[in-house]
Amino acid sequence: MLRVLDRLYPQAQCALHFGDPWQLLVATILSAQCTDERVNQVTPGLFKRFASVQAFARADLAELEEAVRPTGFFRNKAKAIQGAARALAAEHDGRVPPKLEALVKLPGVGRKTANVVLGAAFGLPGITVDTHVGRVCRRLEFTAQTDAVKAEFELMDIIPRQRWTRFSHQVITHGRRVCHSRKPDCPGCGLLPHCPYGQEHRAD
């Protein structure tokens, strides 16, 4: 099935635009409950206004909230971004650490966000279990877990380590284009021969 994903999505990659690991960390925090397209509209102006980790750490919170308002949940996101910036400035010399254990200690950063940053910014393997990956992998019966962390560990056991990041991007792309939540295109799905859910629902 991994060969099928390679054929279907040979260029799959992180859809968020970024120039360095900090920018990707911010963009990933903003992407919660928001489309990548909307985030990519907001971040150029955001990074022009706040040009460094230190600038985010020193920012007026109300001003930061206003800058990220279009992404939704702006108060929580602004607080998390500033908290992460302050922690990085105080503990990591303003640099994003390339280690999951250090990343998940930052405010607003869970394993999903950490794995996005590790994979796309540092080229380190990690499985990102967002809503798309969770849904597609449950339908493929790779996991029955609805908890993202438990699903991540189960997927780590069956997907080769060197494929973790690419697999995540490919499955996210598949979930967005084909395996939709409400009306998946099972008849037109390239993974149909491998998918128990699709076999059952292809005529729907």
C-alpha atoms as a PDB file:
ATOM      1  CA  MET A   1       0.000   0.000   0.000  1.00  0.00           C
ATOM      2  CA  LEU A   2       2.908   2.375   0.601  1.00  0.00           C
ATOM      3  CA  ARG A   3       3.839   1.950  -3.070  1.00  0.00           C
ATOM      4  CA  VAL A   4       0.302   3.000  -4.002  1.00  0.00           C
ATOM      5  CA  LEU A   5       0.632   6.132  -1.865  1.00  0.00           C
ATOM      6  CA  ASP A   6       3.932   6.902  -3.595  1.00  0.00           C
ATOM      7  CA  ARG A   7       2.240   6.602  -6.971  1.00  0.00           C
ATOM      8  CA  LEU A   8      -0.775   8.689  -5.951  1.00  0.00           C
ATOM      9  CA  TYR A   9       1.071  11.415  -4.042  1.00  0.00           C
ATOM     10  CA  PRO A  10       4.748  11.456  -5.030  1.00  0.00           C
ATOM     11  CA  GLN A  11       5.134  15.149  -4.131  1.00  0.00           C
ATOM     12  CA  ALA A  12       3.137  15.229  -0.900  1.00  0.00           C
ATOM     13  CA  GLN A  13       4.663  17.610   1.618  1.00  0.00           C
ATOM     14  CA  CYS A  14       3.773  20.044   4.379  1.00  0.00           C
ATOM     15  CA  ALA A  15       1.290  22.595   3.002  1.00  0.00           C
ATOM     16  CA  LEU A  16       2.225  25.303   5.495  1.00  0.00           C
ATOM     17  CA  HIS A  17       4.622  27.983   4.256  1.00  0.00           C
ATOM     18  CA  PHE A  18       7.628  28.713   6.471  1.00  0.00           C
ATOM     19  CA  GLY A  19      11.171  29.970   6.352  1.00  0.00           C
ATOM     20  CA  ASP A  20      12.620  28.362   9.484  1.00  0.00           C
ATOM     21  CA  PRO A  21      11.609  25.990  12.292  1.00  0.00           C
ATOM     22  CA  TRP A  22      10.138  28.794  14.435  1.00  0.00           C
ATOM     23  CA  GLN A  23       7.893  29.965  11.630  1.00  0.00           C
ATOM     24  CA  LEU A  24       6.679  26.408  11.088  1.00  0.00           C
ATOM     25  CA  LEU A  25       6.013  26.001  14.801  1.00  0.00           C
ATOM     26  CA  VAL A  26       3.897  29.163  14.790  1.00  0.00           C
ATOM     27  CA  ALA A  27       2.075  28.158  11.606  1.00  0.00           C
ATOM     28  CA  THR A  28       1.307  24.709  13.002  1.00  0.00           C
ATOM     29  CA  ILE A  29      -0.140  26.179  16.201  1.00  0.00           C
ATOM     30  CA  LEU A  30      -2.290  28.493  14.063  1.00  0.00           C
ATOM     31  CA  SER A  31      -3.479  25.599  11.881  1.00  0.00           C
ATOM     32  CA  ALA A  32      -5.551  24.052  14.679  1.00  0.00           C
ATOM     33  CA  GLN A  33      -9.197  24.240  13.585  1.00  0.00           C
ATOM     34  CA  CYS A  34      -8.113  26.341  10.607  1.00  0.00           C
ATOM     35  CA  THR A  35      -7.203  25.568   7.001  1.00  0.00           C
ATOM     36  CA  ASP A  36      -3.584  25.693   5.903  1.00  0.00           C
ATOM     37  CA  GLU A  37      -4.636  28.112   3.174  1.00  0.00           C
ATOM     38  CA  ARG A  38      -5.934  30.614   5.717  1.00  0.00           C
ATOM     39  CA  VAL A  39      -2.814  30.225   7.847  1.00  0.00           C
ATOM     40  CA  ASN A  40      -0.636  30.871   4.787  1.00  0.00           C
ATOM     41  CA  GLN A  41      -2.558  34.104   4.208  1.00  0.00           C
ATOM     42  CA  VAL A  42      -1.923  35.275   7.775  1.00  0.00           C
ATOM     43  CA  THR A  43       1.697  34.304   8.407  1.00  0.00           C
ATOM     44  CA  PRO A  44       3.521  36.597   5.941  1.00  0.00           C
ATOM     45  CA  GLY A  45       2.141  39.695   7.659  1.00  0.00           C
ATOM     46  CA  LEU A  46       2.567  38.131  11.078  1.00  0.00           C
ATOM     47  CA  PHE A  47       6.262  37.405  10.547  1.00  0.00           C
ATOM     48  CA  LYS A  48       6.820  40.852   9.075  1.00  0.00           C
ATOM     49  CA  ARG A  49       5.333  42.461  12.185  1.00  0.00           C
ATOM     50  CA  PHE A  50       7.085  40.087  14.614  1.00  0.00           C
ATOM     51  CA  ALA A  51      10.366  39.174  12.960  1.00  0.00           C
ATOM     52  CA  SER A  52      11.955  36.937  15.604  1.00  0.00           C
ATOM     53  CA  VAL A  53      11.279  34.646  18.543  1.00  0.00           C
ATOM     54  CA  GLN A  54      12.261  37.524  20.818  1.00  0.00           C
ATOM     55  CA  ALA A  55       9.786  39.853  19.095  1.00  0.00           C
ATOM     56  CA  PHE A  56       6.959  37.394  19.746  1.00  0.00           C
ATOM     57  CA  ALA A  57       8.098  37.020  23.355  1.00  0.00           C
ATOM     58  CA  ARG A  58       8.008  40.810  23.890  1.00  0.00           C
ATOM     59  CA  ALA A  59       4.834  41.473  21.880  1.00  0.00           C
ATOM     60  CA  ASP A  60       1.775  43.122  23.326  1.00  0.00           C
ATOM     61  CA  LEU A  61      -0.618  40.199  23.713  1.00  0.00           C
ATOM     62  CA  ALA A  62      -3.636  42.144  22.451  1.00  0.00           C
ATOM     63  CA  GLU A  63      -1.709  43.100  19.312  1.00  0.00           C
ATOM     64  CA  LEU A  64      -0.676  39.493  18.761  1.00  0.00           C
ATOM     65  CA  GLU A  65      -4.249  38.328  19.254  1.00  0.00           C
ATOM     66  CA  GLU A  66      -5.452  40.762  16.609  1.00  0.00           C
ATOM     67  CA  ALA A  67      -2.778  39.605  14.182  1.00  0.00           C
ATOM     68  CA  VAL A  68      -3.844  35.935  14.433  1.00  0.00           C
ATOM     69  CA  ARG A  69      -7.595  36.604  14.745  1.00  0.00           C
ATOM     70  CA  PRO A  70      -8.411  35.330  11.205  1.00  0.00           C
ATOM     71  CA  THR A  71      -7.266  31.816  12.160  1.00  0.00           C
ATOM     72  CA  GLY A  72      -9.888  31.439  14.904  1.00  0.00           C
ATOM     73  CA  PHE A  73      -9.446  30.702  18.596  1.00  0.00           C
ATOM     74  CA  PHE A  74      -7.095  33.651  18.452  1.00  0.00           C
ATOM     75  CA  ARG A  75      -6.766  34.281  22.184  1.00  0.00           C
ATOM     76  CA  ASN A  76      -5.638  30.751  22.959  1.00  0.00           C
ATOM     77  CA  LYS A  77      -3.346  30.659  19.937  1.00  0.00           C
ATOM     78  CA  ALA A  78      -1.726  34.003  20.719  1.00  0.00           C
ATOM     79  CA  LYS A  79      -1.154  32.943  24.315  1.00  0.00           C
ATOM     80  CA  ALA A  80       0.386  29.632  23.214  1.00  0.00           C
ATOM     81  CA  ILE A  81       2.650  31.277  20.631  1.00  0.00           C
ATOM     82  CA  GLN A  82       3.896  33.876  23.070  1.00  0.00           C
ATOM     83  CA  GLY A  83       4.381  31.238  25.753  1.00  0.00           C
ATOM     84  CA  ALA A  84       6.411  29.114  23.352  1.00  0.00           C
ATOM     85  CA  ALA A  85       8.470  32.135  22.301  1.00  0.00           C
ATOM     86  CA  ARG A  86       9.251  33.044  25.900  1.00  0.00           C
ATOM     87  CA  ALA A  87      10.209  29.467  26.741  1.00  0.00           C
ATOM     88  CA  LEU A  88      12.492  29.238  23.710  1.00  0.00           C
ATOM     89  CA  ALA A  89      14.105  32.585  24.532  1.00  0.00           C
ATOM     90  CA  ALA A  90      14.664  31.593  28.154  1.00  0.00           C
ATOM     91  CA  GLU A  91      15.675  27.958  27.754  1.00  0.00           C
ATOM     92  CA  HIS A  92      16.882  27.369  24.183  1.00  0.00           C
ATOM     93  CA  ASP A  93      18.617  30.608  23.166  1.00  0.00           C
ATOM     94  CA  GLY A  94      15.637  31.450  20.957  1.00  0.00           C
ATOM     95  CA  ARG A  95      16.058  28.330  18.831  1.00  0.00           C
ATOM     96  CA  VAL A  96      13.533  25.553  18.215  1.00  0.00           C
ATOM     97  CA  PRO A  97      15.033  22.306  19.544  1.00  0.00           C
ATOM     98  CA  PRO A  98      15.048  19.337  17.148  1.00  0.00           C
ATOM     99  CA  LYS A  99      13.827  16.930  19.829  1.00  0.00           C
ATOM    100  CA  LEU A 100      10.268  15.809  20.465  1.00  0.00           C
ATOM    101  CA  GLU A 101      10.777  15.641  24.228  1.00  0.00           C
ATOM    102  CA  ALA A 102      11.806  19.312  24.327  1.00  0.00           C
ATOM    103  CA  LEU A 103       9.149  20.489  21.892  1.00  0.00           C
ATOM    104  CA  VAL A 104       6.211  19.004  23.787  1.00  0.00           C
ATOM    105  CA  LYS A 105       7.263  20.920  26.896  1.00  0.00           C
ATOM    106  CA  LEU A 106       6.551  24.204  25.103  1.00  0.00           C
ATOM    107  CA  PRO A 107       3.160  25.869  25.704  1.00  0.00           C
ATOM    108  CA  GLY A 108       0.611  24.901  23.069  1.00  0.00           C
ATOM    109  CA  VAL A 109       2.773  22.156  21.556  1.00  0.00           C
ATOM    110  CA  GLY A 110       1.607  18.549  21.570  1.00  0.00           C
ATOM    111  CA  ARG A 111       2.961  15.525  19.759  1.00  0.00           C
ATOM    112  CA  LYS A 112       1.131  16.355  16.523  1.00  0.00           C
ATOM    113  CA  THR A 113       2.648  19.835  16.291  1.00  0.00           C
ATOM    114  CA  ALA A 114       6.050  18.541  17.371  1.00  0.00           C
ATOM    115  CA  ASN A 115       6.049  15.830  14.699  1.00  0.00           C
ATOM    116  CA  VAL A 116       5.112  18.334  11.986  1.00  0.00           C
ATOM    117  CA  VAL A 117       8.067  20.512  12.977  1.00  0.00           C
ATOM    118  CA  LEU A 118      10.487  17.604  13.301  1.00  0.00           C
ATOM    119  CA  GLY A 119       9.540  16.180   9.918  1.00  0.00           C
ATOM    120  CA  ALA A 120       9.200  19.291   7.781  1.00  0.00           C
ATOM    121  CA  ALA A 121      11.768  21.599   9.391  1.00  0.00           C
ATOM    122  CA  PHE A 122      14.438  19.131  10.521  1.00  0.00           C
ATOM    123  CA  GLY A 123      13.910  16.090   8.300  1.00  0.00           C
ATOM    124  CA  LEU A 124      13.459  13.845  11.327  1.00  0.00           C
ATOM    125  CA  PRO A 125      10.901  11.003  11.186  1.00  0.00           C
ATOM    126  CA  GLY A 126       7.590  11.456  12.926  1.00  0.00           C
ATOM    127  CA  ILE A 127       3.969  10.409  12.361  1.00  0.00           C
ATOM    128  CA  THR A 128       1.504  13.271  12.473  1.00  0.00           C
ATOM    129  CA  VAL A 129      -1.948  12.095  13.508  1.00  0.00           C
ATOM    130  CA  ASP A 130      -4.373  14.866  12.608  1.00  0.00           C
ATOM    131  CA  THR A 131      -8.062  14.361  11.845  1.00  0.00           C
ATOM    132  CA  HIS A 132      -7.287  13.184   8.291  1.00  0.00           C
ATOM    133  CA  VAL A 133      -4.649  10.637   9.287  1.00  0.00           C
ATOM    134  CA  GLY A 134      -6.821   9.319  12.103  1.00  0.00           C
ATOM    135  CA  ARG A 135      -9.869   8.950   9.875  1.00  0.00           C
ATOM    136  CA  VAL A 136      -8.073   7.360   6.913  1.00  0.00           C
ATOM    137  CA  CYS A 137      -6.083   4.946   9.062  1.00  0.00           C
ATOM    138  CA  ARG A 138      -9.178   3.816  10.955  1.00  0.00           C
ATOM    139  CA  ARG A 139     -10.944   3.159   7.660  1.00  0.00           C
ATOM    140  CA  LEU A 140      -7.918   1.202   6.434  1.00  0.00           C
ATOM    141  CA  GLU A 141      -8.003  -0.632   9.789  1.00  0.00           C
ATOM    142  CA  PHE A 142      -4.416   0.307  10.544  1.00  0.00           C
ATOM    143  CA  THR A 143      -5.708   1.380  13.949  1.00  0.00           C
ATOM    144  CA  ALA A 144      -8.994   1.472  15.818  1.00  0.00           C
ATOM    145  CA  GLN A 145      -7.827   4.228  18.138  1.00  0.00           C
ATOM    146  CA  THR A 146      -9.669   7.545  18.267  1.00  0.00           C
ATOM    147  CA  ASP A 147      -7.031   8.955  20.615  1.00  0.00           C
ATOM    148  CA  ALA A 148      -4.344  10.580  18.449  1.00  0.00           C
ATOM    149  CA  VAL A 149      -1.396   9.631  20.640  1.00  0.00           C
ATOM    150  CA  LYS A 150      -2.464   5.977  20.909  1.00  0.00           C
ATOM    151  CA  ALA A 151      -3.037   5.894  17.146  1.00  0.00           C
ATOM    152  CA  GLU A 152       0.411   7.404  16.576  1.00  0.00           C
ATOM    153  CA  PHE A 153       2.131   4.664  18.561  1.00  0.00           C
ATOM    154  CA  GLU A 154       0.189   1.928  16.771  1.00  0.00           C
ATOM    155  CA  LEU A 155       1.107   3.403  13.376  1.00  0.00           C
ATOM    156  CA  MET A 156       4.754   3.652  14.446  1.00  0.00           C
ATOM    157  CA  ASP A 157       4.695  -0.118  14.909  1.00  0.00           C
ATOM    158  CA  ILE A 158       3.489  -0.891  11.369  1.00  0.00           C
ATOM    159  CA  ILE A 159       4.934   1.893   9.193  1.00  0.00           C
ATOM    160  CA  PRO A 160       8.707   1.788   8.555  1.00  0.00           C
ATOM    161  CA  ARG A 161      10.461   4.575  10.466  1.00  0.00           C
ATOM    162  CA  GLN A 162      12.003   6.115   7.354  1.00  0.00           C
ATOM    163  CA  ARG A 163       8.492   6.502   5.916  1.00  0.00           C
ATOM    164  CA  TRP A 164       6.812   8.165   8.895  1.00  0.00           C
ATOM    165  CA  THR A 165       6.938  11.762   7.659  1.00  0.00           C
ATOM    166  CA  ARG A 166       6.192  11.003   4.011  1.00  0.00           C
ATOM    167  CA  PHE A 167       3.380   8.634   5.024  1.00  0.00           C
ATOM    168  CA  SER A 168       1.828  11.400   7.149  1.00  0.00           C
ATOM    169  CA  HIS A 169       1.886  13.946   4.322  1.00  0.00           C
ATOM    170  CA  GLN A 170       0.515  11.430   1.825  1.00  0.00           C
ATOM    171  CA  VAL A 171      -2.347  10.347   4.065  1.00  0.00           C
ATOM    172  CA  ILE A 172      -3.211  13.942   4.971  1.00  0.00           C
ATOM    173  CA  THR A 173      -3.373  14.734   1.251  1.00  0.00           C
ATOM    174  CA  HIS A 174      -5.535  11.674   0.611  1.00  0.00           C
ATOM    175  CA  GLY A 175      -7.898  12.641   3.417  1.00  0.00           C
ATOM    176  CA  ARG A 176      -8.297  16.142   2.018  1.00  0.00           C
ATOM    177  CA  ARG A 177      -8.781  15.108  -1.608  1.00  0.00           C
ATOM    178  CA  VAL A 178     -10.559  11.750  -1.489  1.00  0.00           C
ATOM    179  CA  CYS A 179     -11.316  10.240   1.918  1.00  0.00           C
ATOM    180  CA  HIS A 180     -13.579  12.985   3.198  1.00  0.00           C
ATOM    181  CA  SER A 181     -15.307  12.728   6.532  1.00  0.00           C
ATOM    182  CA  ARG A 182     -18.904  12.715   5.331  1.00  0.00           C
ATOM    183  CA  LYS A 183     -18.801  11.741   1.662  1.00  0.00           C
ATOM    184  CA  PRO A 184     -15.600   9.861   0.839  1.00  0.00           C
ATOM    185  CA  ASP A 185     -15.063   9.111  -2.859  1.00  0.00           C
ATOM    186  CA  CYS A 186     -14.680   5.387  -2.344  1.00  0.00           C
ATOM    187  CA  PRO A 187     -15.381   4.425  -5.997  1.00  0.00           C
ATOM    188  CA  GLY A 188     -12.611   6.773  -7.186  1.00  0.00           C
ATOM    189  CA  CYS A 189     -10.135   5.917  -4.435  1.00  0.00           C
ATOM    190  CA  GLY A 190      -6.761   4.461  -5.380  1.00  0.00           C
ATOM    191  CA  LEU A 191      -6.580   2.753  -2.001  1.00  0.00           C
ATOM    192  CA  LEU A 192      -9.908   0.971  -2.444  1.00  0.00           C
ATOM    193  CA  PRO A 193      -8.391  -2.534  -2.892  1.00  0.00           C
ATOM    194  CA  HIS A 194      -6.672  -2.122   0.485  1.00  0.00           C
ATOM    195  CA  CYS A 195      -9.566  -0.523   2.380  1.00  0.00           C
ATOM    196  CA  PRO A 196     -12.209  -2.530   4.267  1.00  0.00           C
ATOM    197  CA  TYR A 197     -14.324   0.599   4.791  1.00  0.00           C
ATOM    198  CA  GLY A 198     -14.190   1.420   1.096  1.00  0.00           C
ATOM    199  CA  GLN A 199     -15.134  -2.099   0.075  1.00  0.00           C
ATOM    200  CA  GLU A 200     -18.216  -1.829   2.255  1.00  0.00           C
ATOM    201  CA  HIS A 201     -19.208   1.690   1.153  1.00  0.00           C
ATOM    202  CA  ARG A 202     -18.086   1.926  -2.472  1.00  0.00           C
ATOM    203  CA  ALA A 203     -21.656   1.803  -3.777  1.00  0.00           C
ATOM    204  CA  ASP A 204     -22.910   4.572  -1.443  1.00  0.00           C
END
